[in-house]
Structure formats: structure tokens, C-alpha cells
Amino acid sequence: MACSINNRLREFEVDGDAIARAASEKRLLTMEIEFSLRCNFRCPYCYVPTQRELDTELTPEEIRDVLVQARDLGARRIIILGGEPVSIPGFGR
């Protein structure tokens, strides 16, 4: 099992040649994006904004569109940061 996981992880490694190729072809290689700050926890130290600020976040359709565009631009790795993704209304469906 560990060997299989290591092989899968190697698929996402980015070496200098891959970076140079992506730069010369003007295409995306990796992307980190924070789609939402929504979270179902209530940690006292957290930076989660008020509900009013959350109302301007991307819709699930817009999020999917961003991911498809990133893939089409050549992204081999997309890291989703931020709040809890399953708390985005309609995103878990």
C-alpha cells in the first residue's frame, strides 16, 4: 500500500524541468485557491468573517468553473485552502 501511495504522490511532484516547460508554454502548473472561509467550527481564535461577508463568495458553479479552467490550463495540482469545503451551500452535491 505504501508503495502505491508513494507512486501516486510522485505524479504530483514538480521538478525544475516541468516548471521551465510550463513557463515557456505560458500554462498553469499548480494552483492554490481559497474558495471559502466558511467553517462549521467556532474556534475563538479563527478569522472566519461575518455572514454578510460570506454572502459574496463564489457560487458552487463558479468554483467548478475555476477548477475546470485550471485543469484546462494544465494544472497538475490544485490545492483548496480555506474554511470547510463541505459547508459551502450546494458544493457537496
PDB file of N, CA and C in Angstrom:
ATOM      1  N   MET A   1       0.825  -1.192   0.000  1.00  0.00           N
ATOM      2  CA  MET A   1       0.000   0.000   0.000  1.00  0.00           C
ATOM      3  C   MET A   1       0.865   1.250   0.000  1.00  0.00           C
ATOM      4  N   ALA A   2       1.881   1.308   0.843  1.00  0.00           N
ATOM      5  CA  ALA A   2       2.742   2.491   0.921  1.00  0.00           C
ATOM      6  C   ALA A   2       3.407   2.756  -0.423  1.00  0.00           C
ATOM      7  N   CYS A   3       3.812   1.722  -1.116  1.00  0.00           N
ATOM      8  CA  CYS A   3       4.442   1.881  -2.427  1.00  0.00           C
ATOM      9  C   CYS A   3       3.466   2.535  -3.414  1.00  0.00           C
ATOM     10  N   SER A   4       2.226   2.087  -3.394  1.00  0.00           N
ATOM     11  CA  SER A   4       1.204   2.656  -4.271  1.00  0.00           C
ATOM     12  C   SER A   4       0.982   4.132  -3.972  1.00  0.00           C
ATOM     13  N   ILE A   5       0.932   4.485  -2.697  1.00  0.00           N
ATOM     14  CA  ILE A   5       0.745   5.882  -2.306  1.00  0.00           C
ATOM     15  C   ILE A   5       1.940   6.714  -2.758  1.00  0.00           C
ATOM     16  N   ASN A   6       3.153   6.203  -2.556  1.00  0.00           N
ATOM     17  CA  ASN A   6       4.347   6.929  -2.979  1.00  0.00           C
ATOM     18  C   ASN A   6       4.369   7.130  -4.486  1.00  0.00           C
ATOM     19  N   ASN A   7       3.959   6.129  -5.239  1.00  0.00           N
ATOM     20  CA  ASN A   7       3.905   6.273  -6.693  1.00  0.00           C
ATOM     21  C   ASN A   7       2.900   7.341  -7.096  1.00  0.00           C
ATOM     22  N   ARG A   8       1.752   7.378  -6.432  1.00  0.00           N
ATOM     23  CA  ARG A   8       0.743   8.399  -6.739  1.00  0.00           C
ATOM     24  C   ARG A   8       1.255   9.794  -6.394  1.00  0.00           C
ATOM     25  N   LEU A   9       1.962   9.917  -5.274  1.00  0.00           N
ATOM     26  CA  LEU A   9       2.492  11.221  -4.883  1.00  0.00           C
ATOM     27  C   LEU A   9       3.514  11.725  -5.892  1.00  0.00           C
ATOM     28  N   ARG A  10       4.308  10.818  -6.468  1.00  0.00           N
ATOM     29  CA  ARG A  10       5.308  11.218  -7.458  1.00  0.00           C
ATOM     30  C   ARG A  10       4.658  11.854  -8.680  1.00  0.00           C
ATOM     31  N   GLU A  11       3.422  11.467  -8.990  1.00  0.00           N
ATOM     32  CA  GLU A  11       2.723  12.057 -10.124  1.00  0.00           C
ATOM     33  C   GLU A  11       2.533  13.553  -9.946  1.00  0.00           C
ATOM     34  N   PHE A  12       2.526  14.023  -8.706  1.00  0.00           N
ATOM     35  CA  PHE A  12       2.266  15.425  -8.419  1.00  0.00           C
ATOM     36  C   PHE A  12       3.524  16.225  -8.127  1.00  0.00           C
ATOM     37  N   GLU A  13       4.678  15.582  -8.149  1.00  0.00           N
ATOM     38  CA  GLU A  13       5.913  16.301  -7.904  1.00  0.00           C
ATOM     39  C   GLU A  13       6.198  17.245  -9.067  1.00  0.00           C
ATOM     40  N   VAL A  14       6.783  18.371  -8.754  1.00  0.00           N
ATOM     41  CA  VAL A  14       7.098  19.363  -9.769  1.00  0.00           C
ATOM     42  C   VAL A  14       8.597  19.600  -9.738  1.00  0.00           C
ATOM     43  N   ASP A  15       9.277  19.229 -10.822  1.00  0.00           N
ATOM     44  CA  ASP A  15      10.716  19.450 -10.870  1.00  0.00           C
ATOM     45  C   ASP A  15      11.023  20.699 -11.709  1.00  0.00           C
ATOM     46  N   GLY A  16      12.277  21.058 -11.744  1.00  0.00           N
ATOM     47  CA  GLY A  16      12.695  22.254 -12.465  1.00  0.00           C
ATOM     48  C   GLY A  16      12.349  22.221 -13.944  1.00  0.00           C
ATOM     49  N   ASP A  17      12.480  21.061 -14.570  1.00  0.00           N
ATOM     50  CA  ASP A  17      12.144  20.948 -15.997  1.00  0.00           C
ATOM     51  C   ASP A  17      10.663  21.190 -16.229  1.00  0.00           C
ATOM     52  N   ALA A  18       9.819  20.642 -15.358  1.00  0.00           N
ATOM     53  CA  ALA A  18       8.369  20.852 -15.506  1.00  0.00           C
ATOM     54  C   ALA A  18       8.024  22.325 -15.339  1.00  0.00           C
ATOM     55  N   ILE A  19       8.684  22.982 -14.404  1.00  0.00           N
ATOM     56  CA  ILE A  19       8.441  24.410 -14.197  1.00  0.00           C
ATOM     57  C   ILE A  19       8.875  25.203 -15.421  1.00  0.00           C
ATOM     58  N   ALA A  20      10.040  24.897 -15.953  1.00  0.00           N
ATOM     59  CA  ALA A  20      10.542  25.603 -17.139  1.00  0.00           C
ATOM     60  C   ALA A  20       9.624  25.391 -18.340  1.00  0.00           C
ATOM     61  N   ARG A  21       9.156  24.151 -18.534  1.00  0.00           N
ATOM     62  CA  ARG A  21       8.242  23.873 -19.655  1.00  0.00           C
ATOM     63  C   ARG A  21       6.937  24.653 -19.510  1.00  0.00           C
ATOM     64  N   ALA A  22       6.371  24.626 -18.309  1.00  0.00           N
ATOM     65  CA  ALA A  22       5.114  25.342 -18.081  1.00  0.00           C
ATOM     66  C   ALA A  22       5.299  26.841 -18.310  1.00  0.00           C
ATOM     67  N   ALA A  23       6.413  27.385 -17.851  1.00  0.00           N
ATOM     68  CA  ALA A  23       6.672  28.816 -18.041  1.00  0.00           C
ATOM     69  C   ALA A  23       6.849  29.150 -19.511  1.00  0.00           C
ATOM     70  N   SER A  24       7.589  28.324 -20.247  1.00  0.00           N
ATOM     71  CA  SER A  24       7.812  28.619 -21.666  1.00  0.00           C
ATOM     72  C   SER A  24       6.537  28.455 -22.487  1.00  0.00           C
ATOM     73  N   GLU A  25       5.645  27.574 -22.040  1.00  0.00           N
ATOM     74  CA  GLU A  25       4.375  27.359 -22.742  1.00  0.00           C
ATOM     75  C   GLU A  25       3.268  28.262 -22.215  1.00  0.00           C
ATOM     76  N   LYS A  26       3.605  29.098 -21.216  1.00  0.00           N
ATOM     77  CA  LYS A  26       2.652  30.017 -20.596  1.00  0.00           C
ATOM     78  C   LYS A  26       1.380  29.292 -20.136  1.00  0.00           C
ATOM     79  N   ARG A  27       1.607  28.204 -19.398  1.00  0.00           N
ATOM     80  CA  ARG A  27       0.466  27.457 -18.878  1.00  0.00           C
ATOM     81  C   ARG A  27       0.595  27.277 -17.375  1.00  0.00           C
ATOM     82  N   LEU A  28      -0.510  26.961 -16.782  1.00  0.00           N
ATOM     83  CA  LEU A  28      -0.581  26.775 -15.343  1.00  0.00           C
ATOM     84  C   LEU A  28       0.006  25.418 -14.974  1.00  0.00           C
ATOM     85  N   LEU A  29       0.722  25.369 -13.858  1.00  0.00           N
ATOM     86  CA  LEU A  29       1.282  24.104 -13.395  1.00  0.00           C
ATOM     87  C   LEU A  29       0.616  23.672 -12.093  1.00  0.00           C
ATOM     88  N   THR A  30       0.512  24.584 -11.154  1.00  0.00           N
ATOM     89  CA  THR A  30      -0.165  24.319  -9.893  1.00  0.00           C
ATOM     90  C   THR A  30      -0.997  25.531  -9.518  1.00  0.00           C
ATOM     91  N   MET A  31      -1.930  25.324  -8.604  1.00  0.00           N
ATOM     92  CA  MET A  31      -2.760  26.429  -8.152  1.00  0.00           C
ATOM     93  C   MET A  31      -3.162  26.172  -6.708  1.00  0.00           C
ATOM     94  N   GLU A  32      -3.099  27.209  -5.902  1.00  0.00           N
ATOM     95  CA  GLU A  32      -3.656  27.176  -4.552  1.00  0.00           C
ATOM     96  C   GLU A  32      -4.751  28.215  -4.526  1.00  0.00           C
ATOM     97  N   ILE A  33      -5.916  27.834  -4.043  1.00  0.00           N
ATOM     98  CA  ILE A  33      -7.030  28.768  -4.047  1.00  0.00           C
ATOM     99  C   ILE A  33      -7.862  28.588  -2.786  1.00  0.00           C
ATOM    100  N   GLU A  34      -8.345  29.688  -2.275  1.00  0.00           N
ATOM    101  CA  GLU A  34      -9.191  29.678  -1.086  1.00  0.00           C
ATOM    102  C   GLU A  34     -10.594  30.079  -1.545  1.00  0.00           C
ATOM    103  N   PHE A  35     -11.448  29.098  -1.743  1.00  0.00           N
ATOM    104  CA  PHE A  35     -12.795  29.350  -2.250  1.00  0.00           C
ATOM    105  C   PHE A  35     -13.740  29.898  -1.204  1.00  0.00           C
ATOM    106  N   SER A  36     -13.495  29.537   0.023  1.00  0.00           N
ATOM    107  CA  SER A  36     -14.446  29.905   1.061  1.00  0.00           C
ATOM    108  C   SER A  36     -13.755  30.047   2.400  1.00  0.00           C
ATOM    109  N   LEU A  37     -14.335  30.880   3.227  1.00  0.00           N
ATOM    110  CA  LEU A  37     -13.886  30.987   4.607  1.00  0.00           C
ATOM    111  C   LEU A  37     -14.909  30.352   5.541  1.00  0.00           C
ATOM    112  N   ARG A  38     -15.957  29.736   4.963  1.00  0.00           N
ATOM    113  CA  ARG A  38     -17.000  29.103   5.767  1.00  0.00           C
ATOM    114  C   ARG A  38     -16.420  27.948   6.568  1.00  0.00           C
ATOM    115  N   CYS A  39     -16.917  27.810   7.762  1.00  0.00           N
ATOM    116  CA  CYS A  39     -16.459  26.721   8.613  1.00  0.00           C
ATOM    117  C   CYS A  39     -17.555  26.416   9.624  1.00  0.00           C
ATOM    118  N   ASN A  40     -17.707  25.152   9.948  1.00  0.00           N
ATOM    119  CA  ASN A  40     -18.740  24.765  10.904  1.00  0.00           C
ATOM    120  C   ASN A  40     -18.211  24.698  12.339  1.00  0.00           C
ATOM    121  N   PHE A  41     -16.945  25.045  12.550  1.00  0.00           N
ATOM    122  CA  PHE A  41     -16.397  25.138  13.898  1.00  0.00           C
ATOM    123  C   PHE A  41     -16.497  26.581  14.378  1.00  0.00           C
ATOM    124  N   ARG A  42     -16.393  26.788  15.651  1.00  0.00           N
ATOM    125  CA  ARG A  42     -16.475  28.138  16.224  1.00  0.00           C
ATOM    126  C   ARG A  42     -15.258  28.388  17.118  1.00  0.00           C
ATOM    127  N   CYS A  43     -14.090  28.257  16.546  1.00  0.00           N
ATOM    128  CA  CYS A  43     -12.860  28.456  17.317  1.00  0.00           C
ATOM    129  C   CYS A  43     -12.719  29.936  17.671  1.00  0.00           C
ATOM    130  N   PRO A  44     -12.392  30.245  18.928  1.00  0.00           N
ATOM    131  CA  PRO A  44     -12.324  31.650  19.353  1.00  0.00           C
ATOM    132  C   PRO A  44     -11.197  32.435  18.681  1.00  0.00           C
ATOM    133  N   TYR A  45     -10.191  31.755  18.148  1.00  0.00           N
ATOM    134  CA  TYR A  45      -9.046  32.429  17.542  1.00  0.00           C
ATOM    135  C   TYR A  45      -9.160  32.549  16.020  1.00  0.00           C
ATOM    136  N   CYS A  46     -10.249  32.058  15.451  1.00  0.00           N
ATOM    137  CA  CYS A  46     -10.378  31.960  14.000  1.00  0.00           C
ATOM    138  C   CYS A  46     -10.662  33.309  13.341  1.00  0.00           C
ATOM    139  N   TYR A  47     -10.359  33.373  12.052  1.00  0.00           N
ATOM    140  CA  TYR A  47     -10.540  34.580  11.249  1.00  0.00           C
ATOM    141  C   TYR A  47     -11.804  34.537  10.399  1.00  0.00           C
ATOM    142  N   VAL A  48     -12.699  33.592  10.628  1.00  0.00           N
ATOM    143  CA  VAL A  48     -13.907  33.472   9.822  1.00  0.00           C
ATOM    144  C   VAL A  48     -14.711  34.776   9.923  1.00  0.00           C
ATOM    145  N   PRO A  49     -15.039  35.357   8.769  1.00  0.00           N
ATOM    146  CA  PRO A  49     -15.756  36.637   8.772  1.00  0.00           C
ATOM    147  C   PRO A  49     -17.239  36.479   9.102  1.00  0.00           C
ATOM    148  N   THR A  50     -17.923  37.598   9.107  1.00  0.00           N
ATOM    149  CA  THR A  50     -19.355  37.589   9.388  1.00  0.00           C
ATOM    150  C   THR A  50     -20.122  36.977   8.222  1.00  0.00           C
ATOM    151  N   GLN A  51     -21.372  36.594   8.453  1.00  0.00           N
ATOM    152  CA  GLN A  51     -22.201  36.015   7.407  1.00  0.00           C
ATOM    153  C   GLN A  51     -22.330  36.965   6.209  1.00  0.00           C
ATOM    154  N   ARG A  52     -22.436  38.254   6.475  1.00  0.00           N
ATOM    155  CA  ARG A  52     -22.582  39.237   5.390  1.00  0.00           C
ATOM    156  C   ARG A  52     -21.396  39.168   4.426  1.00  0.00           C
ATOM    157  N   GLU A  53     -20.198  39.010   4.947  1.00  0.00           N
ATOM    158  CA  GLU A  53     -19.012  38.899   4.107  1.00  0.00           C
ATOM    159  C   GLU A  53     -18.996  37.576   3.333  1.00  0.00           C
ATOM    160  N   LEU A  54     -19.550  36.531   3.914  1.00  0.00           N
ATOM    161  CA  LEU A  54     -19.592  35.229   3.248  1.00  0.00           C
ATOM    162  C   LEU A  54     -20.565  35.217   2.075  1.00  0.00           C
ATOM    163  N   ASP A  55     -21.536  36.105   2.076  1.00  0.00           N
ATOM    164  CA  ASP A  55     -22.536  36.136   1.010  1.00  0.00           C
ATOM    165  C   ASP A  55     -21.958  36.529  -0.341  1.00  0.00           C
ATOM    166  N   THR A  56     -20.741  37.072  -0.382  1.00  0.00           N
ATOM    167  CA  THR A  56     -20.132  37.489  -1.650  1.00  0.00           C
ATOM    168  C   THR A  56     -19.163  36.451  -2.203  1.00  0.00           C
ATOM    169  N   GLU A  57     -19.093  35.290  -1.580  1.00  0.00           N
ATOM    170  CA  GLU A  57     -18.184  34.247  -2.063  1.00  0.00           C
ATOM    171  C   GLU A  57     -18.689  33.656  -3.379  1.00  0.00           C
ATOM    172  N   LEU A  58     -17.791  32.948  -4.063  1.00  0.00           N
ATOM    173  CA  LEU A  58     -18.160  32.293  -5.312  1.00  0.00           C
ATOM    174  C   LEU A  58     -19.247  31.252  -5.088  1.00  0.00           C
ATOM    175  N   THR A  59     -20.089  31.079  -6.093  1.00  0.00           N
ATOM    176  CA  THR A  59     -21.117  30.037  -6.040  1.00  0.00           C
ATOM    177  C   THR A  59     -20.463  28.689  -6.349  1.00  0.00           C
ATOM    178  N   PRO A  60     -21.126  27.583  -6.020  1.00  0.00           N
ATOM    179  CA  PRO A  60     -20.571  26.273  -6.391  1.00  0.00           C
ATOM    180  C   PRO A  60     -20.314  26.154  -7.897  1.00  0.00           C
ATOM    181  N   GLU A  61     -21.174  26.725  -8.707  1.00  0.00           N
ATOM    182  CA  GLU A  61     -20.979  26.676 -10.166  1.00  0.00           C
ATOM    183  C   GLU A  61     -19.719  27.445 -10.560  1.00  0.00           C
ATOM    184  N   GLU A  62     -19.498  28.601  -9.943  1.00  0.00           N
ATOM    185  CA  GLU A  62     -18.297  29.383 -10.241  1.00  0.00           C
ATOM    186  C   GLU A  62     -17.036  28.645  -9.781  1.00  0.00           C
ATOM    187  N   ILE A  63     -17.118  27.976  -8.649  1.00  0.00           N
ATOM    188  CA  ILE A  63     -15.988  27.196  -8.155  1.00  0.00           C
ATOM    189  C   ILE A  63     -15.651  26.077  -9.127  1.00  0.00           C
ATOM    190  N   ARG A  64     -16.657  25.348  -9.563  1.00  0.00           N
ATOM    191  CA  ARG A  64     -16.431  24.268 -10.536  1.00  0.00           C
ATOM    192  C   ARG A  64     -15.816  24.820 -11.817  1.00  0.00           C
ATOM    193  N   ASP A  65     -16.285  25.981 -12.271  1.00  0.00           N
ATOM    194  CA  ASP A  65     -15.759  26.598 -13.479  1.00  0.00           C
ATOM    195  C   ASP A  65     -14.277  26.939 -13.312  1.00  0.00           C
ATOM    196  N   VAL A  66     -13.901  27.472 -12.152  1.00  0.00           N
ATOM    197  CA  VAL A  66     -12.499  27.796 -11.876  1.00  0.00           C
ATOM    198  C   VAL A  66     -11.649  26.523 -11.928  1.00  0.00           C
ATOM    199  N   LEU A  67     -12.128  25.446 -11.326  1.00  0.00           N
ATOM    200  CA  LEU A  67     -11.375  24.188 -11.320  1.00  0.00           C
ATOM    201  C   LEU A  67     -11.224  23.622 -12.731  1.00  0.00           C
ATOM    202  N   VAL A  68     -12.267  23.681 -13.521  1.00  0.00           N
ATOM    203  CA  VAL A  68     -12.200  23.194 -14.906  1.00  0.00           C
ATOM    204  C   VAL A  68     -11.212  24.044 -15.711  1.00  0.00           C
ATOM    205  N   GLN A  69     -11.270  25.354 -15.535  1.00  0.00           N
ATOM    206  CA  GLN A  69     -10.335  26.231 -16.245  1.00  0.00           C
ATOM    207  C   GLN A  69      -8.890  25.931 -15.850  1.00  0.00           C
ATOM    208  N   ALA A  70      -8.656  25.715 -14.555  1.00  0.00           N
ATOM    209  CA  ALA A  70      -7.302  25.393 -14.087  1.00  0.00           C
ATOM    210  C   ALA A  70      -6.823  24.095 -14.722  1.00  0.00           C
ATOM    211  N   ARG A  71      -7.680  23.096 -14.738  1.00  0.00           N
ATOM    212  CA  ARG A  71      -7.324  21.820 -15.377  1.00  0.00           C
ATOM    213  C   ARG A  71      -7.014  22.018 -16.852  1.00  0.00           C
ATOM    214  N   ASP A  72      -7.872  22.772 -17.533  1.00  0.00           N
ATOM    215  CA  ASP A  72      -7.684  23.005 -18.963  1.00  0.00           C
ATOM    216  C   ASP A  72      -6.423  23.811 -19.258  1.00  0.00           C
ATOM    217  N   LEU A  73      -5.976  24.606 -18.293  1.00  0.00           N
ATOM    218  CA  LEU A  73      -4.748  25.379 -18.458  1.00  0.00           C
ATOM    219  C   LEU A  73      -3.505  24.571 -18.079  1.00  0.00           C
ATOM    220  N   GLY A  74      -3.705  23.306 -17.700  1.00  0.00           N
ATOM    221  CA  GLY A  74      -2.579  22.417 -17.445  1.00  0.00           C
ATOM    222  C   GLY A  74      -2.245  22.161 -15.997  1.00  0.00           C
ATOM    223  N   ALA A  75      -3.053  22.630 -15.064  1.00  0.00           N
ATOM    224  CA  ALA A  75      -2.749  22.436 -13.646  1.00  0.00           C
ATOM    225  C   ALA A  75      -2.656  20.957 -13.321  1.00  0.00           C
ATOM    226  N   ARG A  76      -1.535  20.563 -12.755  1.00  0.00           N
ATOM    227  CA  ARG A  76      -1.350  19.180 -12.317  1.00  0.00           C
ATOM    228  C   ARG A  76      -1.704  19.023 -10.858  1.00  0.00           C
ATOM    229  N   ARG A  77      -1.742  20.143 -10.137  1.00  0.00           N
ATOM    230  CA  ARG A  77      -2.037  20.097  -8.710  1.00  0.00           C
ATOM    231  C   ARG A  77      -2.876  21.327  -8.365  1.00  0.00           C
ATOM    232  N   ILE A  78      -4.000  21.092  -7.707  1.00  0.00           N
ATOM    233  CA  ILE A  78      -4.847  22.177  -7.238  1.00  0.00           C
ATOM    234  C   ILE A  78      -5.067  21.957  -5.750  1.00  0.00           C
ATOM    235  N   ILE A  79      -4.643  22.921  -4.963  1.00  0.00           N
ATOM    236  CA  ILE A  79      -4.772  22.828  -3.514  1.00  0.00           C
ATOM    237  C   ILE A  79      -5.874  23.783  -3.086  1.00  0.00           C
ATOM    238  N   ILE A  80      -6.890  23.246  -2.447  1.00  0.00           N
ATOM    239  CA  ILE A  80      -8.013  24.065  -1.987  1.00  0.00           C
ATOM    240  C   ILE A  80      -7.804  24.350  -0.513  1.00  0.00           C
ATOM    241  N   LEU A  81      -7.719  25.635  -0.188  1.00  0.00           N
ATOM    242  CA  LEU A  81      -7.493  26.096   1.176  1.00  0.00           C
ATOM    243  C   LEU A  81      -8.734  26.794   1.681  1.00  0.00           C
ATOM    244  N   GLY A  82      -8.683  27.184   2.931  1.00  0.00           N
ATOM    245  CA  GLY A  82      -9.760  28.000   3.470  1.00  0.00           C
ATOM    246  C   GLY A  82     -10.572  27.253   4.502  1.00  0.00           C
ATOM    247  N   GLY A  83     -11.818  27.623   4.575  1.00  0.00           N
ATOM    248  CA  GLY A  83     -12.741  27.023   5.528  1.00  0.00           C
ATOM    249  C   GLY A  83     -13.044  25.581   5.188  1.00  0.00           C
ATOM    250  N   GLU A  84     -14.121  25.105   5.688  1.00  0.00           N
ATOM    251  CA  GLU A  84     -14.537  23.719   5.466  1.00  0.00           C
ATOM    252  C   GLU A  84     -15.319  23.634   4.155  1.00  0.00           C
ATOM    253  N   PRO A  85     -14.775  22.990   3.104  1.00  0.00           N
ATOM    254  CA  PRO A  85     -15.430  22.948   1.794  1.00  0.00           C
ATOM    255  C   PRO A  85     -16.847  22.376   1.823  1.00  0.00           C
ATOM    256  N   VAL A  86     -17.118  21.394   2.687  1.00  0.00           N
ATOM    257  CA  VAL A  86     -18.454  20.799   2.692  1.00  0.00           C
ATOM    258  C   VAL A  86     -19.491  21.748   3.294  1.00  0.00           C
ATOM    259  N   SER A  87     -19.054  22.851   3.878  1.00  0.00           N
ATOM    260  CA  SER A  87     -20.033  23.812   4.413  1.00  0.00           C
ATOM    261  C   SER A  87     -20.423  24.871   3.391  1.00  0.00           C
ATOM    262  N   ILE A  88     -19.895  24.775   2.172  1.00  0.00           N
ATOM    263  CA  ILE A  88     -20.313  25.671   1.092  1.00  0.00           C
ATOM    264  C   ILE A  88     -21.671  25.175   0.606  1.00  0.00           C
ATOM    265  N   PRO A  89     -22.700  25.991   0.648  1.00  0.00           N
ATOM    266  CA  PRO A  89     -24.035  25.535   0.237  1.00  0.00           C
ATOM    267  C   PRO A  89     -24.035  24.974  -1.183  1.00  0.00           C
ATOM    268  N   GLY A  90     -24.497  23.739  -1.331  1.00  0.00           N
ATOM    269  CA  GLY A  90     -24.613  23.105  -2.643  1.00  0.00           C
ATOM    270  C   GLY A  90     -23.353  22.526  -3.204  1.00  0.00           C
ATOM    271  N   PHE A  91     -22.231  22.653  -2.551  1.00  0.00           N
ATOM    272  CA  PHE A  91     -20.970  22.191  -3.124  1.00  0.00           C
ATOM    273  C   PHE A  91     -20.763  20.699  -2.976  1.00  0.00           C
ATOM    274  N   GLY A  92     -21.318  20.091  -1.953  1.00  0.00           N
ATOM    275  CA  GLY A  92     -21.114  18.669  -1.709  1.00  0.00           C
ATOM    276  C   GLY A  92     -22.000  17.776  -2.561  1.00  0.00           C
ATOM    277  N   ARG A  93     -22.739  18.361  -3.474  1.00  0.00           N
ATOM    278  CA  ARG A  93     -23.666  17.558  -4.288  1.00  0.00           C
ATOM    279  C   ARG A  93     -23.154  17.307  -5.658  1.00  0.00           C
TER     280      ARG A  93
END
